[in-house]
Amino acid sequence: MKVQVHSIHFDADTKLISFIQKKLDKLETFYDRMVDGEVFLRLNNEGIENKTVEIKVRVPGNQLFATEKAKSFEAATDLAADALRMQLKKFKTRIRNGRS
């Protein structure tokens, strides 16, 4: 799946970008018709959990979205990917049952 990573007000290193790509590629095991993904990385100024990851994944006829905050971008990506995995499972169930 093609993924665009946008880091807001900082430059993300290649290790972080490849980590995000691998996490989102694993989502294709749950639903293989994903069109593309878009990831936004933000640094917040408040608190310990100051890293925010927002992930949008487009599937035919719909768009799934998850946002998570954590101490690191990797941890936030893990949480957001888990949330998207649950959404993909629900989406697949709805399609199988004939509802979109």
PDB file of N, CA and C in Angstrom:
ATOM      1  N   MET A   1       0.847  -1.175   0.000  1.00  0.00           N
ATOM      2  CA  MET A   1       0.000   0.000   0.000  1.00  0.00           C
ATOM      3  C   MET A   1       0.892   1.238   0.000  1.00  0.00           C
ATOM      4  N   LYS A   2       0.502   2.216  -0.790  1.00  0.00           N
ATOM      5  CA  LYS A   2       1.238   3.466  -0.872  1.00  0.00           C
ATOM      6  C   LYS A   2       0.876   4.333   0.331  1.00  0.00           C
ATOM      7  N   VAL A   3       1.877   4.789   1.063  1.00  0.00           N
ATOM      8  CA  VAL A   3       1.654   5.590   2.268  1.00  0.00           C
ATOM      9  C   VAL A   3       2.423   6.898   2.147  1.00  0.00           C
ATOM     10  N   GLN A   4       1.735   8.007   2.407  1.00  0.00           N
ATOM     11  CA  GLN A   4       2.385   9.314   2.468  1.00  0.00           C
ATOM     12  C   GLN A   4       2.522   9.692   3.931  1.00  0.00           C
ATOM     13  N   VAL A   5       3.725  10.100   4.341  1.00  0.00           N
ATOM     14  CA  VAL A   5       3.964  10.502   5.721  1.00  0.00           C
ATOM     15  C   VAL A   5       4.249  12.001   5.730  1.00  0.00           C
ATOM     16  N   HIS A   6       3.479  12.730   6.549  1.00  0.00           N
ATOM     17  CA  HIS A   6       3.654  14.175   6.696  1.00  0.00           C
ATOM     18  C   HIS A   6       4.075  14.453   8.130  1.00  0.00           C
ATOM     19  N   SER A   7       5.258  14.999   8.307  1.00  0.00           N
ATOM     20  CA  SER A   7       5.696  15.387   9.646  1.00  0.00           C
ATOM     21  C   SER A   7       5.527  16.903   9.751  1.00  0.00           C
ATOM     22  N   ILE A   8       4.719  17.317  10.716  1.00  0.00           N
ATOM     23  CA  ILE A   8       4.359  18.723  10.869  1.00  0.00           C
ATOM     24  C   ILE A   8       5.395  19.426  11.752  1.00  0.00           C
ATOM     25  N   HIS A   9       6.071  20.419  11.216  1.00  0.00           N
ATOM     26  CA  HIS A   9       7.048  21.267  11.916  1.00  0.00           C
ATOM     27  C   HIS A   9       8.308  20.525  12.364  1.00  0.00           C
ATOM     28  N   PHE A  10       8.628  19.394  11.752  1.00  0.00           N
ATOM     29  CA  PHE A  10       9.899  18.711  11.987  1.00  0.00           C
ATOM     30  C   PHE A  10      10.124  17.738  10.843  1.00  0.00           C
ATOM     31  N   ASP A  11      11.335  17.207  10.754  1.00  0.00           N
ATOM     32  CA  ASP A  11      11.669  16.237   9.715  1.00  0.00           C
ATOM     33  C   ASP A  11      11.766  14.850  10.338  1.00  0.00           C
ATOM     34  N   ALA A  12      10.954  13.934   9.864  1.00  0.00           N
ATOM     35  CA  ALA A  12      10.984  12.556  10.356  1.00  0.00           C
ATOM     36  C   ALA A  12      12.150  11.830   9.703  1.00  0.00           C
ATOM     37  N   ASP A  13      12.851  11.014  10.490  1.00  0.00           N
ATOM     38  CA  ASP A  13      13.967  10.264   9.919  1.00  0.00           C
ATOM     39  C   ASP A  13      13.455   9.036   9.166  1.00  0.00           C
ATOM     40  N   THR A  14      14.322   8.455   8.369  1.00  0.00           N
ATOM     41  CA  THR A  14      13.914   7.347   7.508  1.00  0.00           C
ATOM     42  C   THR A  14      13.551   6.100   8.303  1.00  0.00           C
ATOM     43  N   LYS A  15      14.166   5.903   9.484  1.00  0.00           N
ATOM     44  CA  LYS A  15      13.818   4.740  10.308  1.00  0.00           C
ATOM     45  C   LYS A  15      12.368   4.827  10.769  1.00  0.00           C
ATOM     46  N   LEU A  16      11.919   6.004  11.162  1.00  0.00           N
ATOM     47  CA  LEU A  16      10.537   6.187  11.604  1.00  0.00           C
ATOM     48  C   LEU A  16       9.574   5.964  10.438  1.00  0.00           C
ATOM     49  N   ILE A  17       9.909   6.493   9.285  1.00  0.00           N
ATOM     50  CA  ILE A  17       9.038   6.344   8.117  1.00  0.00           C
ATOM     51  C   ILE A  17       8.940   4.876   7.705  1.00  0.00           C
ATOM     52  N   SER A  18      10.053   4.156   7.721  1.00  0.00           N
ATOM     53  CA  SER A  18       9.994   2.739   7.351  1.00  0.00           C
ATOM     54  C   SER A  18       9.248   1.925   8.406  1.00  0.00           C
ATOM     55  N   PHE A  19       9.351   2.300   9.684  1.00  0.00           N
ATOM     56  CA  PHE A  19       8.587   1.638  10.743  1.00  0.00           C
ATOM     57  C   PHE A  19       7.084   1.802  10.496  1.00  0.00           C
ATOM     58  N   ILE A  20       6.672   3.018  10.160  1.00  0.00           N
ATOM     59  CA  ILE A  20       5.253   3.295   9.880  1.00  0.00           C
ATOM     60  C   ILE A  20       4.796   2.506   8.662  1.00  0.00           C
ATOM     61  N   GLN A  21       5.618   2.469   7.621  1.00  0.00           N
ATOM     62  CA  GLN A  21       5.268   1.731   6.407  1.00  0.00           C
ATOM     63  C   GLN A  21       5.064   0.252   6.708  1.00  0.00           C
ATOM     64  N   LYS A  22       5.960  -0.339   7.512  1.00  0.00           N
ATOM     65  CA  LYS A  22       5.835  -1.760   7.860  1.00  0.00           C
ATOM     66  C   LYS A  22       4.557  -2.020   8.650  1.00  0.00           C
ATOM     67  N   LYS A  23       4.245  -1.129   9.589  1.00  0.00           N
ATOM     68  CA  LYS A  23       3.037  -1.306  10.399  1.00  0.00           C
ATOM     69  C   LYS A  23       1.788  -1.265   9.525  1.00  0.00           C
ATOM     70  N   LEU A  24       1.748  -0.340   8.593  1.00  0.00           N
ATOM     71  CA  LEU A  24       0.567  -0.212   7.744  1.00  0.00           C
ATOM     72  C   LEU A  24       0.513  -1.328   6.705  1.00  0.00           C
ATOM     73  N   ASP A  25       1.657  -1.828   6.279  1.00  0.00           N
ATOM     74  CA  ASP A  25       1.663  -2.966   5.360  1.00  0.00           C
ATOM     75  C   ASP A  25       1.063  -4.203   6.020  1.00  0.00           C
ATOM     76  N   LYS A  26       1.258  -4.358   7.327  1.00  0.00           N
ATOM     77  CA  LYS A  26       0.692  -5.498   8.042  1.00  0.00           C
ATOM     78  C   LYS A  26      -0.833  -5.450   8.058  1.00  0.00           C
ATOM     79  N   LEU A  27      -1.415  -4.260   7.931  1.00  0.00           N
ATOM     80  CA  LEU A  27      -2.873  -4.148   7.908  1.00  0.00           C
ATOM     81  C   LEU A  27      -3.468  -4.827   6.679  1.00  0.00           C
ATOM     82  N   GLU A  28      -2.667  -4.964   5.631  1.00  0.00           N
ATOM     83  CA  GLU A  28      -3.170  -5.595   4.409  1.00  0.00           C
ATOM     84  C   GLU A  28      -3.465  -7.074   4.607  1.00  0.00           C
ATOM     85  N   THR A  29      -2.986  -7.676   5.685  1.00  0.00           N
ATOM     86  CA  THR A  29      -3.335  -9.070   5.961  1.00  0.00           C
ATOM     87  C   THR A  29      -4.798  -9.188   6.390  1.00  0.00           C
ATOM     88  N   PHE A  30      -5.374  -8.091   6.889  1.00  0.00           N
ATOM     89  CA  PHE A  30      -6.774  -8.104   7.320  1.00  0.00           C
ATOM     90  C   PHE A  30      -7.719  -7.688   6.193  1.00  0.00           C
ATOM     91  N   TYR A  31      -7.254  -6.812   5.313  1.00  0.00           N
ATOM     92  CA  TYR A  31      -8.077  -6.381   4.183  1.00  0.00           C
ATOM     93  C   TYR A  31      -7.125  -5.955   3.075  1.00  0.00           C
ATOM     94  N   ASP A  32      -7.110  -6.709   1.977  1.00  0.00           N
ATOM     95  CA  ASP A  32      -6.100  -6.483   0.949  1.00  0.00           C
ATOM     96  C   ASP A  32      -6.503  -5.498  -0.140  1.00  0.00           C
ATOM     97  N   ARG A  33      -7.665  -4.850  -0.016  1.00  0.00           N
ATOM     98  CA  ARG A  33      -8.111  -3.925  -1.057  1.00  0.00           C
ATOM     99  C   ARG A  33      -7.927  -2.464  -0.653  1.00  0.00           C
ATOM    100  N   MET A  34      -7.041  -2.194   0.292  1.00  0.00           N
ATOM    101  CA  MET A  34      -6.798  -0.812   0.704  1.00  0.00           C
ATOM    102  C   MET A  34      -6.167  -0.039  -0.455  1.00  0.00           C
ATOM    103  N   VAL A  35      -6.632   1.195  -0.648  1.00  0.00           N
ATOM    104  CA  VAL A  35      -6.161   2.007  -1.766  1.00  0.00           C
ATOM    105  C   VAL A  35      -4.844   2.689  -1.407  1.00  0.00           C
ATOM    106  N   ASP A  36      -4.852   3.510  -0.362  1.00  0.00           N
ATOM    107  CA  ASP A  36      -3.649   4.198   0.074  1.00  0.00           C
ATOM    108  C   ASP A  36      -3.820   4.692   1.502  1.00  0.00           C
ATOM    109  N   GLY A  37      -2.742   5.226   2.038  1.00  0.00           N
ATOM    110  CA  GLY A  37      -2.764   5.719   3.406  1.00  0.00           C
ATOM    111  C   GLY A  37      -2.049   7.054   3.513  1.00  0.00           C
ATOM    112  N   GLU A  38      -2.419   7.798   4.549  1.00  0.00           N
ATOM    113  CA  GLU A  38      -1.809   9.091   4.797  1.00  0.00           C
ATOM    114  C   GLU A  38      -1.589   9.207   6.302  1.00  0.00           C
ATOM    115  N   VAL A  39      -0.371   9.584   6.692  1.00  0.00           N
ATOM    116  CA  VAL A  39      -0.003   9.645   8.100  1.00  0.00           C
ATOM    117  C   VAL A  39       0.471  11.057   8.423  1.00  0.00           C
ATOM    118  N   PHE A  40      -0.047  11.607   9.531  1.00  0.00           N
ATOM    119  CA  PHE A  40       0.370  12.921  10.007  1.00  0.00           C
ATOM    120  C   PHE A  40       1.040  12.758  11.362  1.00  0.00           C
ATOM    121  N   LEU A  41       2.263  13.256  11.495  1.00  0.00           N
ATOM    122  CA  LEU A  41       3.013  13.195  12.740  1.00  0.00           C
ATOM    123  C   LEU A  41       3.107  14.610  13.309  1.00  0.00           C
ATOM    124  N   ARG A  42       2.704  14.763  14.580  1.00  0.00           N
ATOM    125  CA  ARG A  42       2.723  16.081  15.208  1.00  0.00           C
ATOM    126  C   ARG A  42       3.392  16.011  16.573  1.00  0.00           C
ATOM    127  N   LEU A  43       4.147  17.056  16.889  1.00  0.00           N
ATOM    128  CA  LEU A  43       4.703  17.225  18.229  1.00  0.00           C
ATOM    129  C   LEU A  43       3.826  18.227  18.973  1.00  0.00           C
ATOM    130  N   ASN A  44       3.334  17.842  20.151  1.00  0.00           N
ATOM    131  CA  ASN A  44       2.530  18.735  20.983  1.00  0.00           C
ATOM    132  C   ASN A  44       3.410  19.272  22.099  1.00  0.00           C
ATOM    133  N   ASN A  45       3.031  20.389  22.659  1.00  0.00           N
ATOM    134  CA  ASN A  45       3.842  21.001  23.705  1.00  0.00           C
ATOM    135  C   ASN A  45       3.401  20.629  25.113  1.00  0.00           C
ATOM    136  N   GLU A  46       2.274  19.940  25.269  1.00  0.00           N
ATOM    137  CA  GLU A  46       1.768  19.678  26.612  1.00  0.00           C
ATOM    138  C   GLU A  46       1.989  18.227  27.024  1.00  0.00           C
ATOM    139  N   GLY A  47       2.425  18.023  28.254  1.00  0.00           N
ATOM    140  CA  GLY A  47       2.476  16.703  28.862  1.00  0.00           C
ATOM    141  C   GLY A  47       3.586  15.791  28.373  1.00  0.00           C
ATOM    142  N   ILE A  48       3.591  14.591  28.956  1.00  0.00           N
ATOM    143  CA  ILE A  48       4.596  13.585  28.622  1.00  0.00           C
ATOM    144  C   ILE A  48       4.264  12.930  27.286  1.00  0.00           C
ATOM    145  N   GLU A  49       2.993  12.618  27.084  1.00  0.00           N
ATOM    146  CA  GLU A  49       2.575  11.985  25.827  1.00  0.00           C
ATOM    147  C   GLU A  49       2.349  13.076  24.786  1.00  0.00           C
ATOM    148  N   ASN A  50       3.452  13.583  24.247  1.00  0.00           N
ATOM    149  CA  ASN A  50       3.377  14.756  23.381  1.00  0.00           C
ATOM    150  C   ASN A  50       3.548  14.446  21.905  1.00  0.00           C
ATOM    151  N   LYS A  51       3.461  13.181  21.531  1.00  0.00           N
ATOM    152  CA  LYS A  51       3.577  12.806  20.118  1.00  0.00           C
ATOM    153  C   LYS A  51       2.230  12.287  19.628  1.00  0.00           C
ATOM    154  N   THR A  52       1.730  12.861  18.557  1.00  0.00           N
ATOM    155  CA  THR A  52       0.438  12.472  18.003  1.00  0.00           C
ATOM    156  C   THR A  52       0.629  11.901  16.607  1.00  0.00           C
ATOM    157  N   VAL A  53      -0.037  10.774  16.360  1.00  0.00           N
ATOM    158  CA  VAL A  53      -0.026  10.134  15.041  1.00  0.00           C
ATOM    159  C   VAL A  53      -1.472  10.030  14.574  1.00  0.00           C
ATOM    160  N   GLU A  54      -1.743  10.557  13.391  1.00  0.00           N
ATOM    161  CA  GLU A  54      -3.062  10.441  12.760  1.00  0.00           C
ATOM    162  C   GLU A  54      -2.887   9.650  11.479  1.00  0.00           C
ATOM    163  N   ILE A  55      -3.710   8.613  11.311  1.00  0.00           N
ATOM    164  CA  ILE A  55      -3.605   7.763  10.124  1.00  0.00           C
ATOM    165  C   ILE A  55      -4.954   7.705   9.427  1.00  0.00           C
ATOM    166  N   LYS A  56      -4.939   8.007   8.126  1.00  0.00           N
ATOM    167  CA  LYS A  56      -6.123   7.851   7.275  1.00  0.00           C
ATOM    168  C   LYS A  56      -5.831   6.750   6.272  1.00  0.00           C
ATOM    169  N   VAL A  57      -6.746   5.815   6.161  1.00  0.00           N
ATOM    170  CA  VAL A  57      -6.605   4.735   5.192  1.00  0.00           C
ATOM    171  C   VAL A  57      -7.851   4.738   4.318  1.00  0.00           C
ATOM    172  N   ARG A  58      -7.638   4.799   3.012  1.00  0.00           N
ATOM    173  CA  ARG A  58      -8.766   4.758   2.088  1.00  0.00           C
ATOM    174  C   ARG A  58      -8.980   3.336   1.606  1.00  0.00           C
ATOM    175  N   VAL A  59     -10.234   2.901   1.697  1.00  0.00           N
ATOM    176  CA  VAL A  59     -10.655   1.613   1.153  1.00  0.00           C
ATOM    177  C   VAL A  59     -11.763   1.919   0.158  1.00  0.00           C
ATOM    178  N   PRO A  60     -12.054   1.021  -0.766  1.00  0.00           N
ATOM    179  CA  PRO A  60     -13.091   1.316  -1.759  1.00  0.00           C
ATOM    180  C   PRO A  60     -14.418   1.697  -1.100  1.00  0.00           C
ATOM    181  N   GLY A  61     -14.848   2.918  -1.361  1.00  0.00           N
ATOM    182  CA  GLY A  61     -16.130   3.382  -0.861  1.00  0.00           C
ATOM    183  C   GLY A  61     -16.116   3.932   0.552  1.00  0.00           C
ATOM    184  N   ASN A  62     -14.956   4.014   1.201  1.00  0.00           N
ATOM    185  CA  ASN A  62     -14.927   4.491   2.577  1.00  0.00           C
ATOM    186  C   ASN A  62     -13.524   4.977   2.930  1.00  0.00           C
ATOM    187  N   GLN A  63     -13.438   5.636   4.084  1.00  0.00           N
ATOM    188  CA  GLN A  63     -12.158   6.087   4.608  1.00  0.00           C
ATOM    189  C   GLN A  63     -12.132   5.793   6.105  1.00  0.00           C
ATOM    190  N   LEU A  64     -11.063   5.183   6.581  1.00  0.00           N
ATOM    191  CA  LEU A  64     -10.915   4.857   7.994  1.00  0.00           C
ATOM    192  C   LEU A  64      -9.882   5.797   8.597  1.00  0.00           C
ATOM    193  N   PHE A  65     -10.083   6.156   9.870  1.00  0.00           N
ATOM    194  CA  PHE A  65      -9.229   7.158  10.501  1.00  0.00           C
ATOM    195  C   PHE A  65      -8.950   6.766  11.944  1.00  0.00           C
ATOM    196  N   ALA A  66      -7.715   6.970  12.380  1.00  0.00           N
ATOM    197  CA  ALA A  66      -7.357   6.744  13.782  1.00  0.00           C
ATOM    198  C   ALA A  66      -6.338   7.793  14.199  1.00  0.00           C
ATOM    199  N   THR A  67      -6.475   8.278  15.421  1.00  0.00           N
ATOM    200  CA  THR A  67      -5.503   9.219  15.981  1.00  0.00           C
ATOM    201  C   THR A  67      -5.144   8.769  17.387  1.00  0.00           C
ATOM    202  N   GLU A  68      -3.855   8.810  17.698  1.00  0.00           N
ATOM    203  CA  GLU A  68      -3.374   8.357  19.010  1.00  0.00           C
ATOM    204  C   GLU A  68      -2.237   9.246  19.485  1.00  0.00           C
ATOM    205  N   LYS A  69      -2.125   9.371  20.820  1.00  0.00           N
ATOM    206  CA  LYS A  69      -1.025  10.105  21.450  1.00  0.00           C
ATOM    207  C   LYS A  69      -0.228   9.136  22.314  1.00  0.00           C
ATOM    208  N   ALA A  70       1.092   9.341  22.353  1.00  0.00           N
ATOM    209  CA  ALA A  70       1.951   8.502  23.187  1.00  0.00           C
ATOM    210  C   ALA A  70       3.272   9.225  23.437  1.00  0.00           C
ATOM    211  N   LYS A  71       4.154   8.562  24.186  1.00  0.00           N
ATOM    212  CA  LYS A  71       5.466   9.135  24.491  1.00  0.00           C
ATOM    213  C   LYS A  71       6.385   9.139  23.277  1.00  0.00           C
ATOM    214  N   SER A  72       6.161   8.197  22.346  1.00  0.00           N
ATOM    215  CA  SER A  72       6.984   8.124  21.138  1.00  0.00           C
ATOM    216  C   SER A  72       6.081   7.929  19.928  1.00  0.00           C
ATOM    217  N   PHE A  73       6.614   8.277  18.768  1.00  0.00           N
ATOM    218  CA  PHE A  73       5.846   8.085  17.541  1.00  0.00           C
ATOM    219  C   PHE A  73       5.616   6.605  17.267  1.00  0.00           C
ATOM    220  N   GLU A  74       6.576   5.758  17.636  1.00  0.00           N
ATOM    221  CA  GLU A  74       6.413   4.326  17.412  1.00  0.00           C
ATOM    222  C   GLU A  74       5.254   3.766  18.236  1.00  0.00           C
ATOM    223  N   ALA A  75       5.174   4.172  19.507  1.00  0.00           N
ATOM    224  CA  ALA A  75       4.091   3.691  20.375  1.00  0.00           C
ATOM    225  C   ALA A  75       2.742   4.199  19.872  1.00  0.00           C
ATOM    226  N   ALA A  76       2.686   5.461  19.456  1.00  0.00           N
ATOM    227  CA  ALA A  76       1.436   6.016  18.934  1.00  0.00           C
ATOM    228  C   ALA A  76       1.037   5.327  17.638  1.00  0.00           C
ATOM    229  N   THR A  77       2.018   4.981  16.799  1.00  0.00           N
ATOM    230  CA  THR A  77       1.738   4.267  15.559  1.00  0.00           C
ATOM    231  C   THR A  77       1.177   2.880  15.856  1.00  0.00           C
ATOM    232  N   ASP A  78       1.762   2.196  16.853  1.00  0.00           N
ATOM    233  CA  ASP A  78       1.239   0.889  17.256  1.00  0.00           C
ATOM    234  C   ASP A  78      -0.221   0.983  17.667  1.00  0.00           C
ATOM    235  N   LEU A  79      -0.548   1.968  18.507  1.00  0.00           N
ATOM    236  CA  LEU A  79      -1.922   2.134  18.985  1.00  0.00           C
ATOM    237  C   LEU A  79      -2.883   2.457  17.841  1.00  0.00           C
ATOM    238  N   ALA A  80      -2.465   3.358  16.955  1.00  0.00           N
ATOM    239  CA  ALA A  80      -3.321   3.738  15.829  1.00  0.00           C
ATOM    240  C   ALA A  80      -3.505   2.569  14.863  1.00  0.00           C
ATOM    241  N   ALA A  81      -2.450   1.790  14.632  1.00  0.00           N
ATOM    242  CA  ALA A  81      -2.559   0.630  13.744  1.00  0.00           C
ATOM    243  C   ALA A  81      -3.513  -0.407  14.329  1.00  0.00           C
ATOM    244  N   ASP A  82      -3.479  -0.596  15.662  1.00  0.00           N
ATOM    245  CA  ASP A  82      -4.420  -1.516  16.308  1.00  0.00           C
ATOM    246  C   ASP A  82      -5.854  -1.030  16.140  1.00  0.00           C
ATOM    247  N   ALA A  83      -6.065   0.268  16.291  1.00  0.00           N
ATOM    248  CA  ALA A  83      -7.408   0.822  16.113  1.00  0.00           C
ATOM    249  C   ALA A  83      -7.887   0.626  14.678  1.00  0.00           C
ATOM    250  N   LEU A  84      -7.003   0.824  13.720  1.00  0.00           N
ATOM    251  CA  LEU A  84      -7.371   0.619  12.314  1.00  0.00           C
ATOM    252  C   LEU A  84      -7.639  -0.850  12.014  1.00  0.00           C
ATOM    253  N   ARG A  85      -6.894  -1.736  12.656  1.00  0.00           N
ATOM    254  CA  ARG A  85      -7.130  -3.171  12.470  1.00  0.00           C
ATOM    255  C   ARG A  85      -8.549  -3.531  12.895  1.00  0.00           C
ATOM    256  N   MET A  86      -8.990  -3.001  14.026  1.00  0.00           N
ATOM    257  CA  MET A  86     -10.359  -3.256  14.501  1.00  0.00           C
ATOM    258  C   MET A  86     -11.381  -2.675  13.516  1.00  0.00           C
ATOM    259  N   GLN A  87     -11.120  -1.466  13.023  1.00  0.00           N
ATOM    260  CA  GLN A  87     -12.033  -0.841  12.062  1.00  0.00           C
ATOM    261  C   GLN A  87     -12.105  -1.656  10.774  1.00  0.00           C
ATOM    262  N   LEU A  88     -10.959  -2.170  10.323  1.00  0.00           N
ATOM    263  CA  LEU A  88     -10.946  -2.971   9.102  1.00  0.00           C
ATOM    264  C   LEU A  88     -11.748  -4.253   9.274  1.00  0.00           C
ATOM    265  N   LYS A  89     -11.641  -4.887  10.436  1.00  0.00           N
ATOM    266  CA  LYS A  89     -12.413  -6.104  10.689  1.00  0.00           C
ATOM    267  C   LYS A  89     -13.911  -5.804  10.662  1.00  0.00           C
ATOM    268  N   LYS A  90     -14.324  -4.698  11.275  1.00  0.00           N
ATOM    269  CA  LYS A  90     -15.741  -4.315  11.260  1.00  0.00           C
ATOM    270  C   LYS A  90     -16.193  -3.992   9.836  1.00  0.00           C
ATOM    271  N   PHE A  91     -15.336  -3.292   9.096  1.00  0.00           N
ATOM    272  CA  PHE A  91     -15.651  -2.924   7.723  1.00  0.00           C
ATOM    273  C   PHE A  91     -15.845  -4.168   6.866  1.00  0.00           C
ATOM    274  N   LYS A  92     -14.952  -5.155   7.017  1.00  0.00           N
ATOM    275  CA  LYS A  92     -15.071  -6.409   6.264  1.00  0.00           C
ATOM    276  C   LYS A  92     -16.356  -7.140   6.609  1.00  0.00           C
ATOM    277  N   THR A  93     -16.701  -7.146   7.885  1.00  0.00           N
ATOM    278  CA  THR A  93     -17.944  -7.810   8.321  1.00  0.00           C
ATOM    279  C   THR A  93     -19.157  -7.142   7.691  1.00  0.00           C
ATOM    280  N   ARG A  94     -19.164  -5.817   7.667  1.00  0.00           N
ATOM    281  CA  ARG A  94     -20.292  -5.087   7.052  1.00  0.00           C
ATOM    282  C   ARG A  94     -20.396  -5.399   5.570  1.00  0.00           C
ATOM    283  N   ILE A  95     -19.266  -5.492   4.881  1.00  0.00           N
ATOM    284  CA  ILE A  95     -19.282  -5.783   3.450  1.00  0.00           C
ATOM    285  C   ILE A  95     -19.803  -7.206   3.219  1.00  0.00           C
ATOM    286  N   ARG A  96     -19.354  -8.149   4.040  1.00  0.00           N
ATOM    287  CA  ARG A  96     -19.800  -9.521   3.898  1.00  0.00           C
ATOM    288  C   ARG A  96     -21.307  -9.655   4.125  1.00  0.00           C
ATOM    289  N   ASN A  97     -21.840  -8.860   5.029  1.00  0.00           N
ATOM    290  CA  ASN A  97     -23.254  -8.899   5.337  1.00  0.00           C
ATOM    291  C   ASN A  97     -24.093  -8.055   4.376  1.00  0.00           C
ATOM    292  N   GLY A  98     -23.461  -7.433   3.402  1.00  0.00           N
ATOM    293  CA  GLY A  98     -24.191  -6.694   2.390  1.00  0.00           C
ATOM    294  C   GLY A  98     -24.504  -5.262   2.748  1.00  0.00           C
ATOM    295  N   ARG A  99     -23.919  -4.752   3.837  1.00  0.00           N
ATOM    296  CA  ARG A  99     -24.122  -3.353   4.219  1.00  0.00           C
ATOM    297  C   ARG A  99     -22.830  -2.591   3.979  1.00  0.00           C
ATOM    298  N   SER A 100     -22.946  -1.363   3.519  1.00  0.00           N
ATOM    299  CA  SER A 100     -21.725  -0.570   3.309  1.00  0.00           C
ATOM    300  C   SER A 100     -21.674   0.624   4.190  1.00  0.00           C
TER     301      SER A 100
END
